[in-house]
């Protein structure tokens, strides 16, 4: 929550703000959430992702981007989850802070 608004210029002047989406990856497998338009506090609570874990793939990478129509999407932040630290066969809710980005 509380992403930085990276939209600029005319769009920002008319109340436009970041349009976030998340890429979720394990190894070379990458999936992404839908984009939520004009929302600095997005929630994706209906997304399910399934990955086949290969040998040595023990890290889940999350990157939050601002979707931009005319320019390259901007990285707002990222987080990493060590899969080895998660209990097998159980649901677990985690909240992670974002690091290394513009948001």
PDB file of N, CA and C in Angstrom:
ATOM      1  N   UNK A   1       0.837  -1.183   0.000  1.00  0.00           N
ATOM      2  CA  UNK A   1       0.000   0.000   0.000  1.00  0.00           C
ATOM      3  C   UNK A   1       0.880   1.244   0.000  1.00  0.00           C
ATOM      4  N   UNK A   2       0.311   2.336  -0.387  1.00  0.00           N
ATOM      5  CA  UNK A   2       1.027   3.605  -0.382  1.00  0.00           C
ATOM      6  C   UNK A   2       2.094   3.729  -1.441  1.00  0.00           C
ATOM      7  N   UNK A   3       1.819   3.248  -2.645  1.00  0.00           N
ATOM      8  CA  UNK A   3       2.783   3.370  -3.734  1.00  0.00           C
ATOM      9  C   UNK A   3       2.952   4.831  -4.129  1.00  0.00           C
ATOM     10  N   UNK A   4       4.123   5.160  -4.636  1.00  0.00           N
ATOM     11  CA  UNK A   4       4.381   6.522  -5.103  1.00  0.00           C
ATOM     12  C   UNK A   4       3.750   6.706  -6.477  1.00  0.00           C
ATOM     13  N   UNK A   5       3.206   7.882  -6.713  1.00  0.00           N
ATOM     14  CA  UNK A   5       2.635   8.202  -8.020  1.00  0.00           C
ATOM     15  C   UNK A   5       3.764   8.581  -8.968  1.00  0.00           C
ATOM     16  N   UNK A   6       4.011   7.748  -9.969  1.00  0.00           N
ATOM     17  CA  UNK A   6       5.085   8.026 -10.926  1.00  0.00           C
ATOM     18  C   UNK A   6       4.567   8.637 -12.220  1.00  0.00           C
ATOM     19  N   UNK A   7       3.243   8.783 -12.348  1.00  0.00           N
ATOM     20  CA  UNK A   7       2.712   9.439 -13.546  1.00  0.00           C
ATOM     21  C   UNK A   7       3.078  10.920 -13.502  1.00  0.00           C
ATOM     22  N   UNK A   8       3.370  11.476 -14.679  1.00  0.00           N
ATOM     23  CA  UNK A   8       3.840  12.854 -14.724  1.00  0.00           C
ATOM     24  C   UNK A   8       3.120  13.645 -15.801  1.00  0.00           C
ATOM     25  N   UNK A   9       3.383  14.940 -15.794  1.00  0.00           N
ATOM     26  CA  UNK A   9       2.888  15.817 -16.845  1.00  0.00           C
ATOM     27  C   UNK A   9       1.387  15.983 -16.844  1.00  0.00           C
ATOM     28  N   UNK A  10       0.835  16.038 -18.038  1.00  0.00           N
ATOM     29  CA  UNK A  10      -0.585  16.297 -18.237  1.00  0.00           C
ATOM     30  C   UNK A  10      -1.465  15.271 -17.532  1.00  0.00           C
ATOM     31  N   UNK A  11      -1.055  13.987 -17.581  1.00  0.00           N
ATOM     32  CA  UNK A  11      -1.862  12.944 -16.946  1.00  0.00           C
ATOM     33  C   UNK A  11      -1.996  13.188 -15.443  1.00  0.00           C
ATOM     34  N   UNK A  12      -0.902  13.526 -14.805  1.00  0.00           N
ATOM     35  CA  UNK A  12      -0.921  13.750 -13.360  1.00  0.00           C
ATOM     36  C   UNK A  12      -1.748  14.976 -13.005  1.00  0.00           C
ATOM     37  N   UNK A  13      -1.663  16.001 -13.830  1.00  0.00           N
ATOM     38  CA  UNK A  13      -2.414  17.227 -13.571  1.00  0.00           C
ATOM     39  C   UNK A  13      -3.919  16.979 -13.561  1.00  0.00           C
ATOM     40  N   UNK A  14      -4.371  15.979 -14.307  1.00  0.00           N
ATOM     41  CA  UNK A  14      -5.801  15.677 -14.361  1.00  0.00           C
ATOM     42  C   UNK A  14      -6.188  14.535 -13.422  1.00  0.00           C
ATOM     43  N   UNK A  15      -5.350  14.292 -12.404  1.00  0.00           N
ATOM     44  CA  UNK A  15      -5.699  13.330 -11.369  1.00  0.00           C
ATOM     45  C   UNK A  15      -5.294  11.896 -11.645  1.00  0.00           C
ATOM     46  N   UNK A  16      -4.558  11.659 -12.720  1.00  0.00           N
ATOM     47  CA  UNK A  16      -4.118  10.304 -13.021  1.00  0.00           C
ATOM     48  C   UNK A  16      -3.011   9.910 -12.051  1.00  0.00           C
ATOM     49  N   UNK A  17      -2.962   8.636 -11.684  1.00  0.00           N
ATOM     50  CA  UNK A  17      -1.866   8.154 -10.841  1.00  0.00           C
ATOM     51  C   UNK A  17      -1.429   6.779 -11.328  1.00  0.00           C
ATOM     52  N   UNK A  18      -0.466   6.200 -10.653  1.00  0.00           N
ATOM     53  CA  UNK A  18       0.129   4.935 -11.079  1.00  0.00           C
ATOM     54  C   UNK A  18      -0.923   3.855 -11.310  1.00  0.00           C
ATOM     55  N   UNK A  19      -0.638   2.997 -12.289  1.00  0.00           N
ATOM     56  CA  UNK A  19      -1.490   1.868 -12.663  1.00  0.00           C
ATOM     57  C   UNK A  19      -0.695   0.588 -12.390  1.00  0.00           C
ATOM     58  N   UNK A  20      -0.705   0.102 -11.134  1.00  0.00           N
ATOM     59  CA  UNK A  20       0.190  -0.983 -10.760  1.00  0.00           C
ATOM     60  C   UNK A  20      -0.256  -2.372 -11.215  1.00  0.00           C
ATOM     61  N   UNK A  21       0.753  -3.205 -11.454  1.00  0.00           N
ATOM     62  CA  UNK A  21       0.585  -4.643 -11.640  1.00  0.00           C
ATOM     63  C   UNK A  21       1.821  -5.307 -11.061  1.00  0.00           C
ATOM     64  N   UNK A  22       1.730  -6.611 -10.800  1.00  0.00           N
ATOM     65  CA  UNK A  22       2.833  -7.343 -10.187  1.00  0.00           C
ATOM     66  C   UNK A  22       3.254  -8.485 -11.094  1.00  0.00           C
ATOM     67  N   UNK A  23       4.569  -8.640 -11.291  1.00  0.00           N
ATOM     68  CA  UNK A  23       5.083  -9.849 -11.923  1.00  0.00           C
ATOM     69  C   UNK A  23       5.519 -10.778 -10.798  1.00  0.00           C
ATOM     70  N   UNK A  24       5.188 -12.051 -10.952  1.00  0.00           N
ATOM     71  CA  UNK A  24       5.506 -13.070  -9.960  1.00  0.00           C
ATOM     72  C   UNK A  24       6.328 -14.121 -10.677  1.00  0.00           C
ATOM     73  N   UNK A  25       7.539 -14.395 -10.193  1.00  0.00           N
ATOM     74  CA  UNK A  25       8.384 -15.345 -10.916  1.00  0.00           C
ATOM     75  C   UNK A  25       9.141 -16.272  -9.976  1.00  0.00           C
ATOM     76  N   UNK A  26       9.345 -17.482 -10.489  1.00  0.00           N
ATOM     77  CA  UNK A  26      10.191 -18.487  -9.865  1.00  0.00           C
ATOM     78  C   UNK A  26      11.068 -19.019 -10.985  1.00  0.00           C
ATOM     79  N   UNK A  27      12.373 -18.832 -10.866  1.00  0.00           N
ATOM     80  CA  UNK A  27      13.271 -19.244 -11.952  1.00  0.00           C
ATOM     81  C   UNK A  27      12.909 -18.500 -13.225  1.00  0.00           C
ATOM     82  N   UNK A  28      12.730 -19.240 -14.327  1.00  0.00           N
ATOM     83  CA  UNK A  28      12.373 -18.599 -15.600  1.00  0.00           C
ATOM     84  C   UNK A  28      10.869 -18.597 -15.855  1.00  0.00           C
ATOM     85  N   UNK A  29      10.063 -19.005 -14.883  1.00  0.00           N
ATOM     86  CA  UNK A  29       8.605 -18.974 -14.995  1.00  0.00           C
ATOM     87  C   UNK A  29       8.105 -17.627 -14.478  1.00  0.00           C
ATOM     88  N   UNK A  30       7.344 -16.918 -15.300  1.00  0.00           N
ATOM     89  CA  UNK A  30       6.870 -15.590 -14.899  1.00  0.00           C
ATOM     90  C   UNK A  30       5.385 -15.450 -15.215  1.00  0.00           C
ATOM     91  N   UNK A  31       4.637 -14.971 -14.243  1.00  0.00           N
ATOM     92  CA  UNK A  31       3.212 -14.681 -14.390  1.00  0.00           C
ATOM     93  C   UNK A  31       2.982 -13.260 -13.892  1.00  0.00           C
ATOM     94  N   UNK A  32       1.798 -12.712 -14.145  1.00  0.00           N
ATOM     95  CA  UNK A  32       1.529 -11.345 -13.700  1.00  0.00           C
ATOM     96  C   UNK A  32       0.064 -11.173 -13.369  1.00  0.00           C
ATOM     97  N   UNK A  33      -0.177 -10.191 -12.511  1.00  0.00           N
ATOM     98  CA  UNK A  33      -1.539  -9.853 -12.102  1.00  0.00           C
ATOM     99  C   UNK A  33      -2.157  -8.921 -13.142  1.00  0.00           C
ATOM    100  N   UNK A  34      -3.460  -8.728 -13.077  1.00  0.00           N
ATOM    101  CA  UNK A  34      -4.065  -7.673 -13.886  1.00  0.00           C
ATOM    102  C   UNK A  34      -3.594  -6.305 -13.383  1.00  0.00           C
ATOM    103  N   UNK A  35      -3.632  -5.324 -14.257  1.00  0.00           N
ATOM    104  CA  UNK A  35      -3.313  -3.945 -13.889  1.00  0.00           C
ATOM    105  C   UNK A  35      -4.513  -3.333 -13.183  1.00  0.00           C
ATOM    106  N   UNK A  36      -4.250  -2.617 -12.106  1.00  0.00           N
ATOM    107  CA  UNK A  36      -5.302  -1.876 -11.407  1.00  0.00           C
ATOM    108  C   UNK A  36      -5.073  -0.403 -11.723  1.00  0.00           C
ATOM    109  N   UNK A  37      -5.987   0.188 -12.458  1.00  0.00           N
ATOM    110  CA  UNK A  37      -5.823   1.564 -12.926  1.00  0.00           C
ATOM    111  C   UNK A  37      -6.010   2.587 -11.812  1.00  0.00           C
ATOM    112  N   UNK A  38      -5.130   3.590 -11.818  1.00  0.00           N
ATOM    113  CA  UNK A  38      -5.229   4.755 -10.924  1.00  0.00           C
ATOM    114  C   UNK A  38      -5.427   4.376  -9.459  1.00  0.00           C
ATOM    115  N   UNK A  39      -4.504   3.576  -8.926  1.00  0.00           N
ATOM    116  CA  UNK A  39      -4.645   3.124  -7.543  1.00  0.00           C
ATOM    117  C   UNK A  39      -3.273   3.039  -6.874  1.00  0.00           C
ATOM    118  N   UNK A  40      -3.062   3.825  -5.838  1.00  0.00           N
ATOM    119  CA  UNK A  40      -1.799   3.801  -5.103  1.00  0.00           C
ATOM    120  C   UNK A  40      -1.833   2.833  -3.924  1.00  0.00           C
ATOM    121  N   UNK A  41      -2.981   2.192  -3.698  1.00  0.00           N
ATOM    122  CA  UNK A  41      -3.145   1.202  -2.631  1.00  0.00           C
ATOM    123  C   UNK A  41      -3.831  -0.047  -3.188  1.00  0.00           C
ATOM    124  N   UNK A  42      -3.215  -0.689  -4.183  1.00  0.00           N
ATOM    125  CA  UNK A  42      -3.871  -1.819  -4.848  1.00  0.00           C
ATOM    126  C   UNK A  42      -3.915  -3.075  -3.972  1.00  0.00           C
ATOM    127  N   UNK A  43      -4.927  -3.902  -4.225  1.00  0.00           N
ATOM    128  CA  UNK A  43      -5.055  -5.198  -3.557  1.00  0.00           C
ATOM    129  C   UNK A  43      -5.381  -6.232  -4.622  1.00  0.00           C
ATOM    130  N   UNK A  44      -4.573  -7.282  -4.676  1.00  0.00           N
ATOM    131  CA  UNK A  44      -4.833  -8.408  -5.581  1.00  0.00           C
ATOM    132  C   UNK A  44      -5.094  -9.617  -4.696  1.00  0.00           C
ATOM    133  N   UNK A  45      -6.323  -9.830  -4.299  1.00  0.00           N
ATOM    134  CA  UNK A  45      -6.594 -10.949  -3.402  1.00  0.00           C
ATOM    135  C   UNK A  45      -7.356 -12.085  -4.068  1.00  0.00           C
ATOM    136  N   UNK A  46      -7.498 -12.035  -5.368  1.00  0.00           N
ATOM    137  CA  UNK A  46      -8.192 -13.122  -6.054  1.00  0.00           C
ATOM    138  C   UNK A  46      -7.288 -13.825  -7.057  1.00  0.00           C
ATOM    139  N   UNK A  47      -5.995 -13.529  -7.004  1.00  0.00           N
ATOM    140  CA  UNK A  47      -5.050 -14.124  -7.951  1.00  0.00           C
ATOM    141  C   UNK A  47      -4.441 -15.393  -7.373  1.00  0.00           C
ATOM    142  N   UNK A  48      -4.414 -16.443  -8.182  1.00  0.00           N
ATOM    143  CA  UNK A  48      -3.783 -17.704  -7.811  1.00  0.00           C
ATOM    144  C   UNK A  48      -2.684 -17.982  -8.807  1.00  0.00           C
ATOM    145  N   UNK A  49      -1.525 -18.351  -8.309  1.00  0.00           N
ATOM    146  CA  UNK A  49      -0.403 -18.680  -9.173  1.00  0.00           C
ATOM    147  C   UNK A  49       0.111 -20.057  -8.797  1.00  0.00           C
ATOM    148  N   UNK A  50       0.479 -20.818  -9.797  1.00  0.00           N
ATOM    149  CA  UNK A  50       1.017 -22.150  -9.573  1.00  0.00           C
ATOM    150  C   UNK A  50       2.327 -22.281 -10.337  1.00  0.00           C
ATOM    151  N   UNK A  51       3.355 -22.759  -9.657  1.00  0.00           N
ATOM    152  CA  UNK A  51       4.663 -22.935 -10.274  1.00  0.00           C
ATOM    153  C   UNK A  51       5.145 -24.356 -10.031  1.00  0.00           C
ATOM    154  N   UNK A  52       5.862 -24.896 -10.991  1.00  0.00           N
ATOM    155  CA  UNK A  52       6.545 -26.167 -10.815  1.00  0.00           C
ATOM    156  C   UNK A  52       7.957 -25.835 -10.359  1.00  0.00           C
ATOM    157  N   UNK A  53       8.308 -26.301  -9.174  1.00  0.00           N
ATOM    158  CA  UNK A  53       9.620 -25.983  -8.621  1.00  0.00           C
ATOM    159  C   UNK A  53      10.649 -27.004  -9.077  1.00  0.00           C
ATOM    160  N   UNK A  54      11.691 -26.510  -9.706  1.00  0.00           N
ATOM    161  CA  UNK A  54      12.806 -27.352 -10.098  1.00  0.00           C
ATOM    162  C   UNK A  54      13.858 -27.367  -9.005  1.00  0.00           C
ATOM    163  N   UNK A  55      14.848 -28.203  -9.186  1.00  0.00           N
ATOM    164  CA  UNK A  55      15.949 -28.279  -8.220  1.00  0.00           C
ATOM    165  C   UNK A  55      16.613 -26.912  -8.063  1.00  0.00           C
ATOM    166  N   UNK A  56      16.756 -26.469  -6.848  1.00  0.00           N
ATOM    167  CA  UNK A  56      17.428 -25.204  -6.581  1.00  0.00           C
ATOM    168  C   UNK A  56      16.560 -23.965  -6.728  1.00  0.00           C
ATOM    169  N   UNK A  57      15.301 -24.117  -7.138  1.00  0.00           N
ATOM    170  CA  UNK A  57      14.413 -22.950  -7.267  1.00  0.00           C
ATOM    171  C   UNK A  57      13.683 -22.756  -5.945  1.00  0.00           C
ATOM    172  N   UNK A  58      14.218 -21.908  -5.130  1.00  0.00           N
ATOM    173  CA  UNK A  58      13.676 -21.723  -3.787  1.00  0.00           C
ATOM    174  C   UNK A  58      13.352 -20.272  -3.474  1.00  0.00           C
ATOM    175  N   UNK A  59      13.216 -19.449  -4.504  1.00  0.00           N
ATOM    176  CA  UNK A  59      12.950 -18.036  -4.269  1.00  0.00           C
ATOM    177  C   UNK A  59      11.821 -17.553  -5.178  1.00  0.00           C
ATOM    178  N   UNK A  60      10.845 -16.886  -4.592  1.00  0.00           N
ATOM    179  CA  UNK A  60       9.733 -16.281  -5.318  1.00  0.00           C
ATOM    180  C   UNK A  60      10.023 -14.790  -5.418  1.00  0.00           C
ATOM    181  N   UNK A  61      10.038 -14.254  -6.632  1.00  0.00           N
ATOM    182  CA  UNK A  61      10.335 -12.840  -6.861  1.00  0.00           C
ATOM    183  C   UNK A  61       9.041 -12.100  -7.204  1.00  0.00           C
ATOM    184  N   UNK A  62       8.828 -10.964  -6.573  1.00  0.00           N
ATOM    185  CA  UNK A  62       7.671 -10.111  -6.841  1.00  0.00           C
ATOM    186  C   UNK A  62       8.183  -8.737  -7.240  1.00  0.00           C
ATOM    187  N   UNK A  63       7.709  -8.224  -8.372  1.00  0.00           N
ATOM    188  CA  UNK A  63       8.084  -6.884  -8.819  1.00  0.00           C
ATOM    189  C   UNK A  63       6.813  -6.114  -9.144  1.00  0.00           C
ATOM    190  N   UNK A  64       6.680  -4.930  -8.575  1.00  0.00           N
ATOM    191  CA  UNK A  64       5.513  -4.077  -8.812  1.00  0.00           C
ATOM    192  C   UNK A  64       5.910  -3.007  -9.822  1.00  0.00           C
ATOM    193  N   UNK A  65       5.115  -2.901 -10.892  1.00  0.00           N
ATOM    194  CA  UNK A  65       5.375  -1.934 -11.957  1.00  0.00           C
ATOM    195  C   UNK A  65       4.196  -0.992 -12.114  1.00  0.00           C
ATOM    196  N   UNK A  66       4.478   0.201 -12.638  1.00  0.00           N
ATOM    197  CA  UNK A  66       3.447   1.142 -13.074  1.00  0.00           C
ATOM    198  C   UNK A  66       3.296   0.949 -14.572  1.00  0.00           C
ATOM    199  N   UNK A  67       2.124   0.533 -15.008  1.00  0.00           N
ATOM    200  CA  UNK A  67       1.852   0.343 -16.432  1.00  0.00           C
ATOM    201  C   UNK A  67       1.710   1.704 -17.105  1.00  0.00           C
ATOM    202  N   UNK A  68       2.510   1.929 -18.134  1.00  0.00           N
ATOM    203  CA  UNK A  68       2.471   3.190 -18.873  1.00  0.00           C
ATOM    204  C   UNK A  68       2.170   2.920 -20.336  1.00  0.00           C
ATOM    205  N   UNK A  69       1.274   3.695 -20.892  1.00  0.00           N
ATOM    206  CA  UNK A  69       0.854   3.507 -22.281  1.00  0.00           C
ATOM    207  C   UNK A  69       1.896   4.016 -23.266  1.00  0.00           C
ATOM    208  N   UNK A  70       2.471   5.179 -23.000  1.00  0.00           N
ATOM    209  CA  UNK A  70       3.372   5.813 -23.961  1.00  0.00           C
ATOM    210  C   UNK A  70       4.850   5.585 -23.675  1.00  0.00           C
ATOM    211  N   UNK A  71       5.188   5.173 -22.457  1.00  0.00           N
ATOM    212  CA  UNK A  71       6.593   4.983 -22.095  1.00  0.00           C
ATOM    213  C   UNK A  71       6.792   3.599 -21.484  1.00  0.00           C
ATOM    214  N   UNK A  72       8.034   3.276 -21.184  1.00  0.00           N
ATOM    215  CA  UNK A  72       8.356   1.994 -20.567  1.00  0.00           C
ATOM    216  C   UNK A  72       7.776   1.923 -19.160  1.00  0.00           C
ATOM    217  N   UNK A  73       7.222   0.770 -18.798  1.00  0.00           N
ATOM    218  CA  UNK A  73       6.685   0.582 -17.454  1.00  0.00           C
ATOM    219  C   UNK A  73       7.788   0.802 -16.422  1.00  0.00           C
ATOM    220  N   UNK A  74       7.435   1.464 -15.318  1.00  0.00           N
ATOM    221  CA  UNK A  74       8.417   1.806 -14.291  1.00  0.00           C
ATOM    222  C   UNK A  74       8.339   0.842 -13.115  1.00  0.00           C
ATOM    223  N   UNK A  75       9.506   0.414 -12.635  1.00  0.00           N
ATOM    224  CA  UNK A  75       9.578  -0.430 -11.452  1.00  0.00           C
ATOM    225  C   UNK A  75       9.266   0.414 -10.222  1.00  0.00           C
ATOM    226  N   UNK A  76       8.242   0.008  -9.463  1.00  0.00           N
ATOM    227  CA  UNK A  76       7.875   0.712  -8.236  1.00  0.00           C
ATOM    228  C   UNK A  76       8.533   0.086  -7.016  1.00  0.00           C
ATOM    229  N   UNK A  77       8.821  -1.200  -7.086  1.00  0.00           N
ATOM    230  CA  UNK A  77       9.467  -1.883  -5.970  1.00  0.00           C
ATOM    231  C   UNK A  77       9.484  -3.376  -6.194  1.00  0.00           C
ATOM    232  N   UNK A  78      10.237  -4.072  -5.360  1.00  0.00           N
ATOM    233  CA  UNK A  78      10.306  -5.523  -5.490  1.00  0.00           C
ATOM    234  C   UNK A  78      10.538  -6.155  -4.129  1.00  0.00           C
ATOM    235  N   UNK A  79      10.196  -7.433  -4.044  1.00  0.00           N
ATOM    236  CA  UNK A  79      10.388  -8.212  -2.826  1.00  0.00           C
ATOM    237  C   UNK A  79      10.705  -9.640  -3.232  1.00  0.00           C
ATOM    238  N   UNK A  80      11.338 -10.355  -2.332  1.00  0.00           N
ATOM    239  CA  UNK A  80      11.699 -11.745  -2.572  1.00  0.00           C
ATOM    240  C   UNK A  80      11.249 -12.567  -1.372  1.00  0.00           C
ATOM    241  N   UNK A  81      10.723 -13.770  -1.636  1.00  0.00           N
ATOM    242  CA  UNK A  81      10.276 -14.662  -0.566  1.00  0.00           C
ATOM    243  C   UNK A  81      11.063 -15.960  -0.674  1.00  0.00           C
ATOM    244  N   UNK A  82      11.712 -16.348   0.416  1.00  0.00           N
ATOM    245  CA  UNK A  82      12.449 -17.605   0.471  1.00  0.00           C
ATOM    246  C   UNK A  82      11.437 -18.736   0.644  1.00  0.00           C
ATOM    247  N   UNK A  83      11.258 -19.548  -0.396  1.00  0.00           N
ATOM    248  CA  UNK A  83      10.252 -20.607  -0.360  1.00  0.00           C
ATOM    249  C   UNK A  83      10.592 -21.694   0.655  1.00  0.00           C
ATOM    250  N   UNK A  84      11.870 -21.881   0.939  1.00  0.00           N
ATOM    251  CA  UNK A  84      12.276 -22.900   1.908  1.00  0.00           C
ATOM    252  C   UNK A  84      11.777 -22.561   3.314  1.00  0.00           C
ATOM    253  N   UNK A  85      11.500 -21.288   3.568  1.00  0.00           N
ATOM    254  CA  UNK A  85      11.037 -20.877   4.899  1.00  0.00           C
ATOM    255  C   UNK A  85       9.530 -21.062   5.079  1.00  0.00           C
ATOM    256  N   UNK A  86       8.823 -21.445   4.016  1.00  0.00           N
ATOM    257  CA  UNK A  86       7.371 -21.599   4.089  1.00  0.00           C
ATOM    258  C   UNK A  86       7.004 -23.039   4.421  1.00  0.00           C
ATOM    259  N   UNK A  87       5.988 -23.252   5.266  1.00  0.00           N
ATOM    260  CA  UNK A  87       5.566 -24.617   5.585  1.00  0.00           C
ATOM    261  C   UNK A  87       4.913 -25.280   4.368  1.00  0.00           C
ATOM    262  N   UNK A  88       5.271 -26.523   4.109  1.00  0.00           N
ATOM    263  CA  UNK A  88       4.722 -27.255   2.960  1.00  0.00           C
ATOM    264  C   UNK A  88       3.259 -27.606   3.201  1.00  0.00           C
ATOM    265  N   UNK A  89       2.445 -27.454   2.156  1.00  0.00           N
ATOM    266  CA  UNK A  89       1.052 -27.869   2.203  1.00  0.00           C
ATOM    267  C   UNK A  89       0.141 -27.000   3.042  1.00  0.00           C
ATOM    268  N   UNK A  90       0.574 -25.812   3.417  1.00  0.00           N
ATOM    269  CA  UNK A  90      -0.254 -24.920   4.224  1.00  0.00           C
ATOM    270  C   UNK A  90      -0.377 -23.561   3.554  1.00  0.00           C
ATOM    271  N   UNK A  91      -1.503 -22.880   3.814  1.00  0.00           N
ATOM    272  CA  UNK A  91      -1.686 -21.510   3.349  1.00  0.00           C
ATOM    273  C   UNK A  91      -1.017 -20.581   4.340  1.00  0.00           C
ATOM    274  N   UNK A  92      -0.405 -19.554   3.818  1.00  0.00           N
ATOM    275  CA  UNK A  92       0.284 -18.601   4.680  1.00  0.00           C
ATOM    276  C   UNK A  92       0.127 -17.212   4.092  1.00  0.00           C
ATOM    277  N   UNK A  93      -0.307 -16.269   4.905  1.00  0.00           N
ATOM    278  CA  UNK A  93      -0.402 -14.879   4.455  1.00  0.00           C
ATOM    279  C   UNK A  93       0.804 -14.125   4.977  1.00  0.00           C
ATOM    280  N   UNK A  94       1.463 -13.411   4.059  1.00  0.00           N
ATOM    281  CA  UNK A  94       2.633 -12.611   4.444  1.00  0.00           C
ATOM    282  C   UNK A  94       2.493 -11.217   3.875  1.00  0.00           C
ATOM    283  N   UNK A  95       2.972 -10.258   4.618  1.00  0.00           N
ATOM    284  CA  UNK A  95       3.033  -8.886   4.121  1.00  0.00           C
ATOM    285  C   UNK A  95       4.494  -8.497   4.103  1.00  0.00           C
ATOM    286  N   UNK A  96       4.961  -8.095   2.929  1.00  0.00           N
ATOM    287  CA  UNK A  96       6.362  -7.736   2.743  1.00  0.00           C
ATOM    288  C   UNK A  96       6.450  -6.287   2.294  1.00  0.00           C
ATOM    289  N   UNK A  97       7.428  -5.579   2.789  1.00  0.00           N
ATOM    290  CA  UNK A  97       7.689  -4.236   2.303  1.00  0.00           C
ATOM    291  C   UNK A  97       8.428  -4.302   0.980  1.00  0.00           C
ATOM    292  N   UNK A  98       8.235  -3.309   0.135  1.00  0.00           N
ATOM    293  CA  UNK A  98       8.924  -3.255  -1.150  1.00  0.00           C
ATOM    294  C   UNK A  98      10.259  -2.558  -0.990  1.00  0.00           C
ATOM    295  N   UNK A  99      11.211  -2.978  -1.784  1.00  0.00           N
ATOM    296  CA  UNK A  99      12.502  -2.321  -1.799  1.00  0.00           C
ATOM    297  C   UNK A  99      12.931  -2.066  -3.230  1.00  0.00           C
ATOM    298  N   UNK A 100      13.939  -1.260  -3.417  1.00  0.00           N
ATOM    299  CA  UNK A 100      14.590  -1.031  -4.716  1.00  0.00           C
ATOM    300  C   UNK A 100      13.622  -0.694  -5.837  1.00  0.00           C
ATOM    301  N   UNK A 101      13.056   0.458  -5.783  1.00  0.00           N
ATOM    302  CA  UNK A 101      12.176   0.902  -6.857  1.00  0.00           C
ATOM    303  C   UNK A 101      11.848   2.370  -6.696  1.00  0.00           C
ATOM    304  N   UNK A 102      10.947   2.840  -7.514  1.00  0.00           N
ATOM    305  CA  UNK A 102      10.550   4.242  -7.476  1.00  0.00           C
ATOM    306  C   UNK A 102       9.274   4.463  -6.686  1.00  0.00           C
ATOM    307  N   UNK A 103       8.727   3.432  -6.075  1.00  0.00           N
ATOM    308  CA  UNK A 103       7.447   3.585  -5.427  1.00  0.00           C
ATOM    309  C   UNK A 103       7.453   3.291  -3.993  1.00  0.00           C
TER     310      UNK A 103
END
